Amino acid sequence: MVRQYVLILLMFLSSANASEVRGRIEGGRLSWDTAVTYGDTIMPSQWTVLPSLPPASVWLAHGVSIFQTNLTLNNDGETVTLPLTDIGMIYKSNEMGFRPDASTVAGKCSTEGITELSVMGANCGESSYWLEKTGEAVTPFAFSKVILQIPPNTILNSFKRKAAGEYRGSVIVNYGYDYRFHSSGQRVRHQLSELVSVVIQHNPEELISVAVTGGETFTPRYDASTRRLKGGTRFEVDIQGTFLKGVKLTHQNLGKTFELAPPSNQGPAVPYSVICLQCNDTLLVDVGQARIDEKGTLILGQGDMRIGIEVNVDTTVETMTLEPGLYTDIFSLVFEPAGM
């Protein structure tokens, strides 16, 4: 009885390949800058150019393997852990005319020429198929792309309540191929590895819009007992966006004196007050003087939401000091996400 032995030789490259996928989360929306996605899978936009590989006339694409089940991204002490649901590899040849080896797969695959082949999972290599090239041995493939399977909703949920910043992590993917010599029947394994870096810029807050409605003209009320004129108006502000803890409100010009200029610009001005009912510090301006500094005040709100506030402006002035005509002024408030 003649026994046949198959020799499997493991070989490792001394130089590791590397690739990067870079994305961003802005206001609860995920997008990718240097990656393409298909459903739950993510892969680099660019192919990894491989070093010269041992030539073969018949080869078997491996599945991939990793030594970690999670991808951990770090940013100054903050950690985000993403489960790697599955992982795969795309092999791309610069040679035309590779075809499935009919003697080994018996109709499992098309017999047309193949220049690109994808495999998913750690154990699919043996159930994949041998590719053969008629004639001389050539380099099996020249380019590769790692496929990461991480559902987008998983990524977004993992980043909830996380601080803004750039989160970085990496995973080492092992892959390769088997090839054999027709003359001896020996099967040789060529093993490669690739360091895949994942970078996500996290900008959790986004101010989408600020809409202001309301009267710009004071409604005067005369108090005969004190001979004073009281007036006021109300602005309604609608703020829409995604916030960690709310919206910060500040004055655009902290050095401004808040007062209505007289028609002639020569008589006494009329100072006024500004009140925000929904702000932590409700008194923004007190009789012409700002009452909040550059740190501003907070309007509470969390998540994807619309925040509504009321800004009341009022004044009280002795009628003896007034001149006929229209008193006017302009002031500006600045709204921005409050951050952590």
Protein backbone atom coordinates (compact mmCIF):
# COMPACT_ATOMS: atom_id res chain seq x y z
CA MET A 1 0.00 0.00 0.00
CA VAL A 2 1.40 3.33 -1.05
CA ARG A 3 0.74 6.23 1.27
CA GLN A 4 0.79 9.82 0.12
CA TYR A 5 1.85 12.61 2.43
CA VAL A 6 0.95 16.24 1.85
CA LEU A 7 3.44 18.74 3.15
CA ILE A 8 2.02 22.01 4.42
CA LEU A 9 4.63 24.69 4.99
CA LEU A 10 3.79 27.85 6.91
CA MET A 11 5.62 30.98 5.85
CA PHE A 12 5.35 34.46 7.34
CA LEU A 13 6.40 37.73 5.77
CA SER A 14 8.73 39.86 7.83
CA SER A 15 7.11 43.06 6.60
CA ALA A 16 3.54 43.75 7.67
CA ASN A 17 1.00 45.44 5.46
CA ALA A 18 -1.09 48.31 6.77
CA SER A 19 -4.32 50.06 5.86
CA GLU A 20 -6.64 52.61 7.42
CA VAL A 21 -10.34 53.33 7.51
CA ARG A 22 -11.27 56.80 8.69
CA GLY A 23 -14.75 58.06 9.49
CA ARG A 24 -16.62 60.66 11.47
CA ILE A 25 -19.69 60.96 13.64
CA GLU A 26 -21.30 64.39 13.52
CA GLY A 27 -24.52 65.08 15.31
CA GLY A 28 -25.38 61.40 15.53
CA ARG A 29 -24.69 60.67 11.86
CA LEU A 30 -21.91 58.33 10.69
CA SER A 31 -19.96 58.86 7.47
CA TRP A 32 -16.69 57.50 6.10
CA ASP A 33 -13.84 59.49 4.53
CA THR A 34 -11.44 56.71 3.51
CA ALA A 35 -13.73 53.70 3.46
CA VAL A 36 -16.55 52.22 1.45
CA THR A 37 -19.50 50.39 2.96
CA TYR A 38 -21.93 47.74 1.83
CA GLY A 39 -24.63 47.15 4.42
CA ASP A 40 -22.83 46.27 7.64
CA THR A 41 -19.40 45.83 6.03
CA ILE A 42 -16.61 48.40 5.93
CA MET A 43 -13.46 48.28 3.84
CA PRO A 44 -10.67 50.73 2.95
CA SER A 45 -11.19 52.89 -0.12
CA GLN A 46 -7.73 52.03 -1.42
CA TRP A 47 -6.29 48.60 -2.19
CA THR A 48 -3.28 47.43 -0.20
CA VAL A 49 -0.41 46.87 -2.63
CA LEU A 50 1.29 43.63 -1.67
CA PRO A 51 4.96 42.72 -1.98
CA SER A 52 5.94 40.18 -4.60
CA LEU A 53 4.35 36.87 -3.59
CA PRO A 54 5.52 33.36 -4.46
CA PRO A 55 4.10 32.47 -7.89
CA ALA A 56 1.64 29.64 -8.38
CA SER A 57 -0.38 28.04 -11.10
CA VAL A 58 -2.98 26.70 -8.65
CA TRP A 59 -3.82 28.44 -5.36
CA LEU A 60 -6.45 28.48 -2.63
CA ALA A 61 -7.56 31.73 -1.01
CA HIS A 62 -7.67 31.50 2.78
CA GLY A 63 -10.25 32.78 5.13
CA VAL A 64 -8.99 35.31 7.64
CA SER A 65 -8.30 35.07 11.35
CA ILE A 66 -7.83 37.53 14.20
CA PHE A 67 -6.81 37.18 17.82
CA GLN A 68 -9.42 39.62 19.13
CA THR A 69 -13.19 39.66 19.04
CA ASN A 70 -13.53 43.37 19.73
CA LEU A 71 -12.04 46.53 18.28
CA THR A 72 -11.11 49.03 21.01
CA LEU A 73 -10.84 52.72 20.12
CA ASN A 74 -9.16 55.15 22.53
CA ASN A 75 -9.15 58.91 23.00
CA ASP A 76 -7.45 60.48 26.04
CA GLY A 77 -8.79 57.95 28.52
CA GLU A 78 -12.16 57.48 26.82
CA THR A 79 -12.70 53.99 25.39
CA VAL A 80 -15.17 52.70 22.81
CA THR A 81 -15.46 48.94 22.25
CA LEU A 82 -16.88 47.68 18.95
CA PRO A 83 -17.66 43.97 18.45
CA LEU A 84 -16.19 42.48 15.28
CA THR A 85 -19.19 40.54 14.00
CA ASP A 86 -17.18 39.06 11.15
CA ILE A 87 -14.12 39.78 9.07
CA GLY A 88 -13.04 38.95 5.54
CA MET A 89 -10.67 39.72 2.70
CA ILE A 90 -10.86 40.61 -0.97
CA TYR A 91 -8.04 39.30 -3.14
CA LYS A 92 -7.43 41.05 -6.46
CA SER A 93 -5.19 39.76 -9.23
CA ASN A 94 -3.53 41.79 -11.94
CA GLU A 95 -3.46 38.66 -14.10
CA MET A 96 -6.38 37.80 -16.36
CA GLY A 97 -7.68 34.30 -16.84
CA PHE A 98 -7.67 32.70 -13.38
CA ARG A 99 -10.42 30.16 -13.22
CA PRO A 100 -11.81 27.69 -10.67
CA ASP A 101 -10.09 24.31 -10.75
CA ALA A 102 -12.90 22.04 -11.94
CA SER A 103 -11.14 18.95 -10.60
CA THR A 104 -11.47 20.19 -7.04
CA VAL A 105 -14.76 22.04 -6.98
CA ALA A 106 -16.93 20.12 -9.44
CA GLY A 107 -19.27 22.87 -10.53
CA LYS A 108 -19.35 24.95 -7.37
CA CYS A 109 -18.08 28.02 -9.19
CA SER A 110 -18.23 29.70 -12.54
CA THR A 111 -15.57 28.69 -15.04
CA GLU A 112 -15.16 32.26 -16.25
CA GLY A 113 -11.93 34.14 -15.65
CA ILE A 114 -11.65 35.59 -12.14
CA THR A 115 -9.55 38.59 -11.09
CA GLU A 116 -11.25 39.38 -7.77
CA LEU A 117 -12.25 36.98 -5.00
CA SER A 118 -13.75 37.68 -1.57
CA VAL A 119 -13.90 35.40 1.46
CA MET A 120 -15.55 35.98 4.83
CA GLY A 121 -14.85 34.28 8.13
CA ALA A 122 -12.03 32.26 9.61
CA ASN A 123 -12.93 28.81 8.30
CA CYS A 124 -14.09 29.46 4.77
CA GLY A 125 -10.76 28.91 3.05
CA GLU A 126 -11.03 25.13 2.97
CA SER A 127 -14.55 25.34 1.56
CA SER A 128 -13.48 27.88 -1.03
CA TYR A 129 -12.03 26.78 -4.33
CA TRP A 130 -8.68 26.40 -5.96
CA LEU A 131 -7.90 28.85 -8.72
CA GLU A 132 -5.73 27.77 -11.57
CA LYS A 133 -3.87 29.63 -14.29
CA THR A 134 -3.25 27.76 -17.51
CA GLY A 135 0.42 27.79 -18.34
CA GLU A 136 3.25 29.17 -16.29
CA ALA A 137 3.02 30.07 -12.61
CA VAL A 138 2.26 33.72 -11.82
CA THR A 139 1.69 35.87 -8.73
CA PRO A 140 -1.72 34.81 -7.36
CA PHE A 141 -2.84 38.29 -6.35
CA ALA A 142 -1.28 41.73 -6.09
CA PHE A 143 -3.81 43.68 -4.03
CA SER A 144 -6.00 43.06 -1.02
CA LYS A 145 -8.69 44.73 1.07
CA VAL A 146 -9.79 43.82 4.57
CA ILE A 147 -13.54 43.58 5.16
CA LEU A 148 -14.78 44.51 8.64
CA GLN A 149 -18.35 43.73 9.59
CA ILE A 150 -19.59 46.21 12.18
CA PRO A 151 -23.22 47.39 11.92
CA PRO A 152 -23.50 51.22 11.72
CA ASN A 153 -26.08 51.32 14.54
CA THR A 154 -23.62 49.44 16.76
CA ILE A 155 -20.99 52.10 16.12
CA LEU A 156 -23.40 54.97 16.80
CA ASN A 157 -24.77 53.39 19.99
CA SER A 158 -21.24 52.73 21.27
CA PHE A 159 -20.35 56.41 20.92
CA LYS A 160 -23.34 57.73 22.86
CA ARG A 161 -22.36 59.88 25.85
CA LYS A 162 -18.71 59.83 24.73
CA ALA A 163 -16.58 62.96 24.69
CA ALA A 164 -15.67 64.65 21.43
CA GLY A 165 -12.31 63.82 19.88
CA GLU A 166 -10.41 61.45 17.63
CA TYR A 167 -10.74 57.78 18.58
CA ARG A 168 -8.10 55.34 17.32
CA GLY A 169 -7.75 51.58 17.37
CA SER A 170 -6.37 48.74 15.29
CA VAL A 171 -6.73 45.06 14.55
CA ILE A 172 -4.21 42.63 13.07
CA VAL A 173 -5.74 40.46 10.35
CA ASN A 174 -4.03 37.23 9.33
CA TYR A 175 -4.70 35.89 5.86
CA GLY A 176 -2.94 34.25 2.94
CA TYR A 177 -3.19 31.42 0.47
CA ASP A 178 -2.15 27.85 -0.22
CA TYR A 179 -0.52 26.87 -3.46
CA ARG A 180 0.71 23.58 -4.81
CA PHE A 181 3.13 22.15 -7.30
CA HIS A 182 1.60 19.94 -9.99
CA SER A 183 4.76 17.87 -10.24
CA SER A 184 5.02 16.88 -6.58
CA GLY A 185 1.54 17.56 -5.24
CA GLN A 186 3.07 19.46 -2.33
CA ARG A 187 0.83 22.06 -0.75
CA VAL A 188 2.53 25.18 0.58
CA ARG A 189 0.94 27.80 2.80
CA HIS A 190 1.93 31.44 2.49
CA GLN A 191 0.75 33.53 5.43
CA LEU A 192 0.41 37.33 5.52
CA SER A 193 -0.81 39.84 8.06
CA GLU A 194 -2.21 43.34 7.86
CA LEU A 195 -2.55 46.01 10.52
CA VAL A 196 -5.87 47.77 10.00
CA SER A 197 -6.19 51.12 11.76
CA VAL A 198 -9.65 52.51 12.44
CA VAL A 199 -9.96 56.23 13.16
CA ILE A 200 -13.27 57.90 14.00
CA GLN A 201 -13.56 61.64 14.60
CA HIS A 202 -16.40 62.06 17.07
CA ASN A 203 -18.28 65.36 17.04
CA PRO A 204 -21.33 64.43 19.10
CA GLU A 205 -22.94 67.85 19.11
CA GLU A 206 -24.39 69.76 16.21
CA LEU A 207 -26.39 72.95 16.13
CA ILE A 208 -28.63 72.61 13.10
CA SER A 209 -30.71 75.77 13.22
CA VAL A 210 -31.78 78.75 15.32
CA ALA A 211 -35.05 80.47 14.41
CA VAL A 212 -36.15 83.72 16.07
CA THR A 213 -39.70 85.06 15.97
CA GLY A 214 -41.45 87.80 17.88
CA GLY A 215 -42.08 91.50 18.04
CA GLU A 216 -39.24 93.92 17.49
CA THR A 217 -41.24 96.88 18.81
CA PHE A 218 -41.79 97.66 22.48
CA THR A 219 -45.39 97.89 23.64
CA PRO A 220 -45.47 101.02 25.87
CA ARG A 221 -47.47 101.18 29.11
CA TYR A 222 -47.77 104.53 30.91
CA ASP A 223 -47.90 104.55 34.72
CA ALA A 224 -49.57 107.82 35.68
CA SER A 225 -48.79 107.45 39.37
CA THR A 226 -45.05 107.35 38.82
CA ARG A 227 -44.99 109.22 35.52
CA ARG A 228 -42.95 106.43 34.10
CA LEU A 229 -43.22 104.65 30.79
CA LYS A 230 -42.78 100.88 30.78
CA GLY A 231 -42.25 98.88 27.64
CA GLY A 232 -41.25 95.45 26.54
CA THR A 233 -41.28 92.79 23.88
CA ARG A 234 -40.75 89.07 23.66
CA PHE A 235 -38.71 86.94 21.27
CA GLU A 236 -39.30 83.22 20.87
CA VAL A 237 -36.18 81.24 19.92
CA ASP A 238 -36.38 77.73 18.48
CA ILE A 239 -33.07 75.79 18.62
CA GLN A 240 -32.66 72.46 16.84
CA GLY A 241 -29.72 70.07 17.05
CA THR A 242 -27.98 67.24 18.89
CA PHE A 243 -26.58 68.08 22.32
CA LEU A 244 -24.73 66.36 25.15
CA LYS A 245 -26.08 68.58 27.89
CA GLY A 246 -27.57 71.62 26.20
CA VAL A 247 -26.85 74.96 24.55
CA LYS A 248 -24.51 77.70 25.71
CA LEU A 249 -25.73 81.27 25.31
CA THR A 250 -23.36 84.25 25.32
CA HIS A 251 -23.36 87.89 24.27
CA GLN A 252 -21.68 88.61 20.96
CA ASN A 253 -20.21 91.83 22.34
CA LEU A 254 -19.47 91.66 26.06
CA GLY A 255 -18.40 95.30 26.21
CA LYS A 256 -21.66 96.61 24.85
CA THR A 257 -23.96 98.91 26.81
CA PHE A 258 -27.52 97.78 26.22
CA GLU A 259 -29.58 100.92 25.70
CA LEU A 260 -32.00 102.40 23.19
CA ALA A 261 -30.53 105.36 21.31
CA PRO A 262 -32.75 108.48 21.06
CA PRO A 263 -34.00 109.71 17.67
CA SER A 264 -31.62 112.66 17.62
CA ASN A 265 -28.68 110.68 19.04
CA GLN A 266 -28.18 113.66 21.38
CA GLY A 267 -30.57 113.09 24.24
CA PRO A 268 -30.25 110.49 27.01
CA ALA A 269 -30.38 106.83 25.97
CA VAL A 270 -32.81 104.37 27.55
CA PRO A 271 -31.18 101.29 29.15
CA TYR A 272 -33.07 98.02 29.01
CA SER A 273 -32.94 94.54 30.54
CA VAL A 274 -32.91 91.10 28.89
CA ILE A 275 -34.30 88.00 30.58
CA CYS A 276 -34.12 84.37 29.39
CA LEU A 277 -36.69 82.33 31.29
CA GLN A 278 -35.22 78.92 30.37
CA CYS A 279 -31.55 79.78 31.03
CA ASN A 280 -29.69 78.77 34.18
CA ASP A 281 -28.83 82.45 34.66
CA THR A 282 -32.07 84.12 33.72
CA LEU A 283 -30.88 87.74 33.89
CA LEU A 284 -28.74 88.32 30.81
CA VAL A 285 -28.78 92.13 30.94
CA ASP A 286 -29.72 94.28 33.94
CA VAL A 287 -30.60 97.90 33.15
CA GLY A 288 -28.06 98.20 30.36
CA GLN A 289 -25.25 96.08 31.84
CA ALA A 290 -24.39 92.51 30.83
CA ARG A 291 -24.78 90.01 33.66
CA ILE A 292 -23.15 86.99 31.99
CA ASP A 293 -19.48 86.80 31.04
CA GLU A 294 -17.67 84.95 28.26
CA LYS A 295 -18.58 81.61 29.93
CA GLY A 296 -22.20 82.34 29.12
CA THR A 297 -25.18 80.54 30.57
CA LEU A 298 -26.63 77.09 29.96
CA ILE A 299 -29.92 76.07 28.40
CA LEU A 300 -30.45 72.44 29.38
CA GLY A 301 -31.23 69.80 26.74
CA GLN A 302 -29.90 66.36 25.82
CA GLY A 303 -30.02 64.22 22.69
CA ASP A 304 -31.66 64.94 19.35
CA MET A 305 -34.13 67.63 20.16
CA ARG A 306 -35.70 71.02 19.64
CA ILE A 307 -35.27 73.52 22.48
CA GLY A 308 -37.61 76.48 22.79
CA ILE A 309 -36.80 79.54 24.91
CA GLU A 310 -38.30 82.98 25.55
CA VAL A 311 -36.18 86.11 25.62
CA ASN A 312 -37.95 89.08 27.19
CA VAL A 313 -36.69 92.64 26.76
CA ASP A 314 -38.12 95.44 28.92
CA THR A 315 -37.40 98.92 30.18
CA THR A 316 -38.77 101.57 32.52
CA VAL A 317 -38.04 105.25 31.94
CA GLU A 318 -39.27 108.62 33.21
CA THR A 319 -41.41 110.30 30.55
CA MET A 320 -39.82 113.69 31.29
CA THR A 321 -36.55 112.49 29.75
CA LEU A 322 -38.07 111.20 26.53
CA GLU A 323 -38.18 113.01 23.22
CA PRO A 324 -40.66 112.26 20.44
CA GLY A 325 -39.57 109.65 17.92
CA LEU A 326 -38.27 106.11 17.66
CA TYR A 327 -35.67 104.74 20.10
CA THR A 328 -33.65 101.85 18.66
CA ASP A 329 -30.86 99.40 19.40
CA ILE A 330 -29.48 96.08 18.16
CA PHE A 331 -28.05 93.28 20.29
CA SER A 332 -26.90 89.79 19.37
CA LEU A 333 -26.90 86.53 21.30
CA VAL A 334 -24.65 83.60 20.37
CA PHE A 335 -25.87 80.00 20.65
CA GLU A 336 -23.54 76.99 20.51
CA PRO A 337 -23.45 73.41 21.82
CA ALA A 338 -22.44 73.39 25.47
CA GLY A 339 -20.17 70.33 25.21
CA MET A 340 -19.51 68.09 28.17
